[in-house]
Structures are given as C-alpha cells and as structure tokens.
C-alpha cells in the first residue's frame, strides 16, 4: 500500500513509554484523522514520524521508504510536510518571506515561484498581503500562512497538528474547507485534532488515541457511529 504505514511503534521520553504498540495506516490520496484528547499521544506520534523523538520499537514506512532512523530533513525530503500546532509563524517576517522558508530544500527558483503561485491560488488573501508582517495578521490569517508554508515543499503528505486550536468558529470552518480542497489536489492529509465534528465531516478514515494506544479505528462514518467514540466525544 502506498501512503504512510505505522506498525507496532513504542515511543518513550526517558524510560516512560508514551506510545504503546500503535499501528496506523494512512492511504495515499485520503484524509486520515488522529483523534484524541490532550495527553493521548497525538503530538508524540507526529514527533515519531518526523524523527524528532524516534520510536524505540516498531516501524514507520512512507511510500516504501523506512523512516525510523532517518534525520528529520530526510523525512521531509521524502515528501512529508508538517503544519505545527499553534501555527509557529515568524512574526517579524513578511507573508512571502514566511512562505519561502517552506521551500528551503528546493534549489530551483522557477519551482519556488510556481509553488508560490499555487499557494496564492489557494489563499488569495495571502497574495494581497504578501508584504505584510505576519505578526500583524489575525490568527486565521496566520493559519493560512502556516498551511501555505507547508505546501511550498510540494508534499505528498501534509501532517496538520490541531488546526482549529485558538481560532474563531468562522476560521475553523474555513480552515477545514481549505484542508478538504488541498486533499482534492491529490495531497494526502494526516489530520491530528480534538475537534471531532469538523474532522469526521472531512476525513475518510481515522483512529482514536487514548493514553498512547489506538482504542478505535475505522472509516469516518464508522467512528461517528461507534458507541464508545460517541460517548467520549459527542456526550
């Protein structure tokens, strides 16, 4: 299967395991969501994939390439980009300067220019404000910059960590529409979220993490109808 395959990973900080025998498959071309409350292990999973906190056991394979043991820049070079939690823009740089940082591994100016135009097609507002300092923008606009920066590397898989965090309901809805449209361009998405309603509305498949273990998985419809998931998240 092309896409991201995670098999039986255990990831620890010091000697305490945070992820315990986690297995997840994210098919190419789909939106796969990882649901879970704070402390469930979602961010550790992202760090494991990126090689920032490598698993002590298990394997992670992306499009046939084993990732465990690779340096983070090589994981990114394999076609994976990450939109971090809290956006993490550079406030004293312009929108365009922030976007250019996403293409730091691309040596062709022509390719960078083409990618920039694609980002501006997705986010016309960023083109209008390309020379504005990012720190002077609203949270929703900074979220656009963060996602746009991730797209600058022409990723095959875009990992997005808590895109609804700290945003107004209007921007949350807009953000999820953007994620759905990015996926329609053929980019796979791994969406890590607590906002269950919005996430399952756009995801194809998902897993629920609790205390470092996968406690439920299935299609978005199956998760919506899962009694335990409904009780935990829908009340």
Protein backbone atom coordinates (compact mmCIF):
# COMPACT_ATOMS: atom_id res chain seq x y z
CA UNK A 1 0.00 0.00 0.00
CA UNK A 2 1.32 3.45 -0.87
CA UNK A 3 0.98 6.05 1.84
CA UNK A 4 2.07 6.01 5.47
CA UNK A 5 2.28 2.74 7.39
CA UNK A 6 2.94 2.72 11.13
CA UNK A 7 3.37 -0.71 12.71
CA UNK A 8 3.69 -1.52 16.40
CA UNK A 9 5.60 1.58 17.47
CA UNK A 10 6.60 2.28 21.05
CA UNK A 11 7.92 5.78 21.71
CA UNK A 12 9.34 6.85 25.06
CA UNK A 13 10.51 10.02 26.79
CA UNK A 14 13.34 8.96 29.10
CA UNK A 15 12.15 5.46 30.03
CA UNK A 16 8.38 6.05 30.11
CA UNK A 17 6.52 4.85 27.01
CA UNK A 18 4.06 7.41 25.66
CA UNK A 19 3.01 5.41 22.59
CA UNK A 20 2.27 1.74 23.15
CA UNK A 21 2.03 -0.65 20.19
CA UNK A 22 0.50 1.96 17.86
CA UNK A 23 -0.37 0.81 14.34
CA UNK A 24 -1.99 3.17 11.81
CA UNK A 25 -2.33 3.12 8.02
CA UNK A 26 -2.90 6.38 6.13
CA UNK A 27 -3.71 5.64 2.48
CA UNK A 28 -2.34 7.83 -0.28
CA UNK A 29 -4.85 10.41 -1.52
CA UNK A 30 -7.02 10.32 1.59
CA UNK A 31 -7.58 12.40 4.73
CA UNK A 32 -6.74 10.26 7.76
CA UNK A 33 -7.50 11.74 11.17
CA UNK A 34 -5.97 11.02 14.56
CA UNK A 35 -8.44 11.93 17.30
CA UNK A 36 -7.71 12.16 20.99
CA UNK A 37 -7.76 14.44 23.99
CA UNK A 38 -4.74 16.28 25.42
CA UNK A 39 -2.12 13.82 26.65
CA UNK A 40 -3.33 10.97 24.44
CA UNK A 41 -0.07 10.82 22.48
CA UNK A 42 -1.08 12.68 19.30
CA UNK A 43 1.87 15.10 19.25
CA UNK A 44 4.30 12.29 20.17
CA UNK A 45 3.02 10.39 17.13
CA UNK A 46 3.91 13.35 14.89
CA UNK A 47 7.34 13.64 16.52
CA UNK A 48 7.87 9.90 15.93
CA UNK A 49 7.04 10.19 12.22
CA UNK A 50 9.33 13.22 11.80
CA UNK A 51 12.20 11.53 13.65
CA UNK A 52 12.26 14.18 16.38
CA UNK A 53 11.50 11.52 19.00
CA UNK A 54 12.26 8.23 17.22
CA UNK A 55 10.35 5.11 18.28
CA UNK A 56 12.35 2.61 20.31
CA UNK A 57 10.48 -0.24 18.61
CA UNK A 58 8.29 -0.78 15.53
CA UNK A 59 8.45 0.61 12.02
CA UNK A 60 7.24 3.62 10.04
CA UNK A 61 7.25 3.42 6.24
CA UNK A 62 6.24 6.14 3.77
CA UNK A 63 5.71 5.15 0.12
CA UNK A 64 8.09 2.23 0.62
CA UNK A 65 10.80 4.26 2.42
CA UNK A 66 11.54 3.25 6.06
CA UNK A 67 11.61 6.43 8.15
CA UNK A 68 12.81 5.21 11.55
CA UNK A 69 16.43 6.29 11.96
CA UNK A 70 16.30 9.00 9.28
CA UNK A 71 17.20 12.58 10.15
CA UNK A 72 14.20 14.93 10.14
CA UNK A 73 15.31 16.80 6.99
CA UNK A 74 15.45 13.47 5.14
CA UNK A 75 11.93 12.61 6.33
CA UNK A 76 10.80 15.97 4.93
CA UNK A 77 12.69 15.29 1.68
CA UNK A 78 10.75 12.02 1.30
CA UNK A 79 7.61 14.12 0.73
CA UNK A 80 6.21 14.85 4.20
CA UNK A 81 5.44 18.36 5.45
CA UNK A 82 4.14 19.31 8.89
CA UNK A 83 1.94 22.21 9.97
CA UNK A 84 2.78 22.54 13.69
CA UNK A 85 0.33 23.13 16.49
CA UNK A 86 -0.07 26.86 17.20
CA UNK A 87 0.96 27.81 13.64
CA UNK A 88 4.56 28.89 14.56
CA UNK A 89 4.91 31.68 12.00
CA UNK A 90 7.81 34.14 12.04
CA UNK A 91 6.06 37.36 13.15
CA UNK A 92 8.75 39.84 12.06
CA UNK A 93 8.96 38.43 8.54
CA UNK A 94 6.54 39.18 5.72
CA UNK A 95 3.99 36.67 4.46
CA UNK A 96 6.10 35.96 1.38
CA UNK A 97 9.29 35.51 3.43
CA UNK A 98 7.46 33.00 5.66
CA UNK A 99 6.24 31.10 2.62
CA UNK A 100 9.72 30.97 1.06
CA UNK A 101 11.02 29.21 4.19
CA UNK A 102 8.78 26.24 3.33
CA UNK A 103 10.78 25.71 0.13
CA UNK A 104 14.22 25.80 1.74
CA UNK A 105 15.20 22.44 0.21
CA UNK A 106 14.22 23.49 -3.34
CA UNK A 107 17.15 24.91 -5.33
CA UNK A 108 15.23 25.93 -8.44
CA UNK A 109 13.91 29.50 -8.26
CA UNK A 110 11.47 28.64 -11.05
CA UNK A 111 9.93 25.81 -8.99
CA UNK A 112 9.74 28.04 -5.90
CA UNK A 113 7.94 30.71 -7.94
CA UNK A 114 5.49 28.11 -9.31
CA UNK A 115 4.77 26.81 -5.81
CA UNK A 116 4.22 30.36 -4.55
CA UNK A 117 1.64 30.97 -7.28
CA UNK A 118 -0.15 27.73 -6.34
CA UNK A 119 -0.30 28.82 -2.69
CA UNK A 120 -1.64 32.22 -3.74
CA UNK A 121 -4.35 30.48 -5.79
CA UNK A 122 -5.45 28.59 -2.68
CA UNK A 123 -5.11 31.67 -0.44
CA UNK A 124 -5.79 34.83 -2.50
CA UNK A 125 -5.75 36.84 0.74
CA UNK A 126 -2.08 35.99 1.23
CA UNK A 127 -1.24 37.35 -2.22
CA UNK A 128 -2.98 40.62 -1.33
CA UNK A 129 -0.91 40.80 1.87
CA UNK A 130 2.35 39.28 0.66
CA UNK A 131 4.42 42.20 2.04
CA UNK A 132 2.60 42.44 5.37
CA UNK A 133 4.44 41.42 8.55
CA UNK A 134 2.92 38.10 9.64
CA UNK A 135 2.80 39.14 13.30
CA UNK A 136 0.26 41.86 12.46
CA UNK A 137 -2.24 39.36 10.99
CA UNK A 138 -5.20 37.66 12.66
CA UNK A 139 -4.95 34.10 13.96
CA UNK A 140 -6.94 32.81 10.99
CA UNK A 141 -4.66 34.55 8.51
CA UNK A 142 -1.57 33.22 10.30
CA UNK A 143 -3.08 29.74 9.98
CA UNK A 144 -3.25 30.30 6.20
CA UNK A 145 0.43 31.31 6.19
CA UNK A 146 1.35 28.18 8.16
CA UNK A 147 -0.55 25.85 5.80
CA UNK A 148 0.78 27.73 2.75
CA UNK A 149 4.34 27.36 4.04
CA UNK A 150 3.80 23.60 4.36
CA UNK A 151 2.58 23.42 0.76
CA UNK A 152 5.68 25.18 -0.57
CA UNK A 153 7.69 21.94 -0.44
CA UNK A 154 5.23 20.15 -2.81
CA UNK A 155 4.48 17.48 -0.19
CA UNK A 156 2.86 14.15 -0.94
CA UNK A 157 1.64 14.02 2.69
CA UNK A 158 0.69 17.06 4.77
CA UNK A 159 0.53 16.47 8.54
CA UNK A 160 -1.57 19.10 10.30
CA UNK A 161 -1.46 19.34 14.11
CA UNK A 162 -4.56 20.86 15.78
CA UNK A 163 -5.55 23.32 13.00
CA UNK A 164 -8.61 24.55 14.94
CA UNK A 165 -6.63 25.48 18.06
CA UNK A 166 -7.28 29.07 19.14
CA UNK A 167 -9.34 30.01 16.08
CA UNK A 168 -12.81 31.53 15.92
CA UNK A 169 -15.60 29.20 14.67
CA UNK A 170 -15.69 31.03 11.31
CA UNK A 171 -11.97 30.50 10.71
CA UNK A 172 -12.19 26.88 11.91
CA UNK A 173 -14.84 26.17 9.26
CA UNK A 174 -12.78 27.98 6.62
CA UNK A 175 -9.65 26.07 7.61
CA UNK A 176 -11.35 22.69 7.30
CA UNK A 177 -12.72 23.65 3.88
CA UNK A 178 -9.17 24.53 2.82
CA UNK A 179 -7.89 21.15 4.08
CA UNK A 180 -10.57 19.36 2.09
CA UNK A 181 -9.65 21.35 -1.05
CA UNK A 182 -5.94 20.62 -0.58
CA UNK A 183 -6.78 16.93 -0.45
CA UNK A 184 -8.74 17.29 -3.72
CA UNK A 185 -5.47 18.44 -5.33
CA UNK A 186 -4.12 14.93 -4.65
CA UNK A 187 -2.22 15.66 -1.44
CA UNK A 188 -2.69 13.12 1.36
CA UNK A 189 -3.50 14.60 4.76
CA UNK A 190 -2.84 13.31 8.27
CA UNK A 191 -5.05 15.47 10.48
CA UNK A 192 -4.39 15.46 14.23
CA UNK A 193 -7.32 17.05 16.05
CA UNK A 194 -9.62 17.28 19.07
CA UNK A 195 -12.46 18.87 17.09
CA UNK A 196 -14.30 15.64 16.31
CA UNK A 197 -17.37 17.04 14.50
CA UNK A 198 -15.45 19.05 11.91
CA UNK A 199 -12.75 16.41 11.49
CA UNK A 200 -15.03 13.45 10.82
CA UNK A 201 -17.00 15.60 8.37
CA UNK A 202 -13.98 15.76 6.02
CA UNK A 203 -11.93 12.64 6.88
CA UNK A 204 -12.04 9.34 5.01
CA UNK A 205 -10.58 7.22 7.81
CA UNK A 206 -9.46 7.75 11.36
CA UNK A 207 -8.07 6.41 14.63
CA UNK A 208 -8.74 7.37 18.23
CA UNK A 209 -5.76 7.54 20.58
CA UNK A 210 -6.19 7.26 24.33
CA UNK A 211 -3.29 7.07 26.79
CA UNK A 212 -0.91 6.16 24.00
CA UNK A 213 -2.96 3.33 22.48
CA UNK A 214 -5.26 3.09 19.47
CA UNK A 215 -8.65 2.36 21.04
CA UNK A 216 -10.80 2.65 17.89
CA UNK A 217 -10.29 2.91 14.14
CA UNK A 218 -12.41 2.83 11.01
CA UNK A 219 -13.99 4.99 8.35
CA UNK A 220 -15.28 8.40 9.40
CA UNK A 221 -18.82 7.01 9.33
CA UNK A 222 -17.86 4.01 11.47
CA UNK A 223 -16.19 6.25 14.04
CA UNK A 224 -19.21 8.57 14.11
CA UNK A 225 -21.42 5.56 14.83
CA UNK A 226 -19.04 3.91 17.31
CA UNK A 227 -20.75 3.86 20.73
CA UNK A 228 -17.54 4.44 22.72
CA UNK A 229 -16.44 7.30 20.45
CA UNK A 230 -19.90 8.87 20.64
CA UNK A 231 -19.90 8.65 24.43
CA UNK A 232 -16.39 10.08 24.77
CA UNK A 233 -16.74 12.91 22.27
CA UNK A 234 -20.36 13.59 21.49
CA UNK A 235 -21.81 13.22 25.02
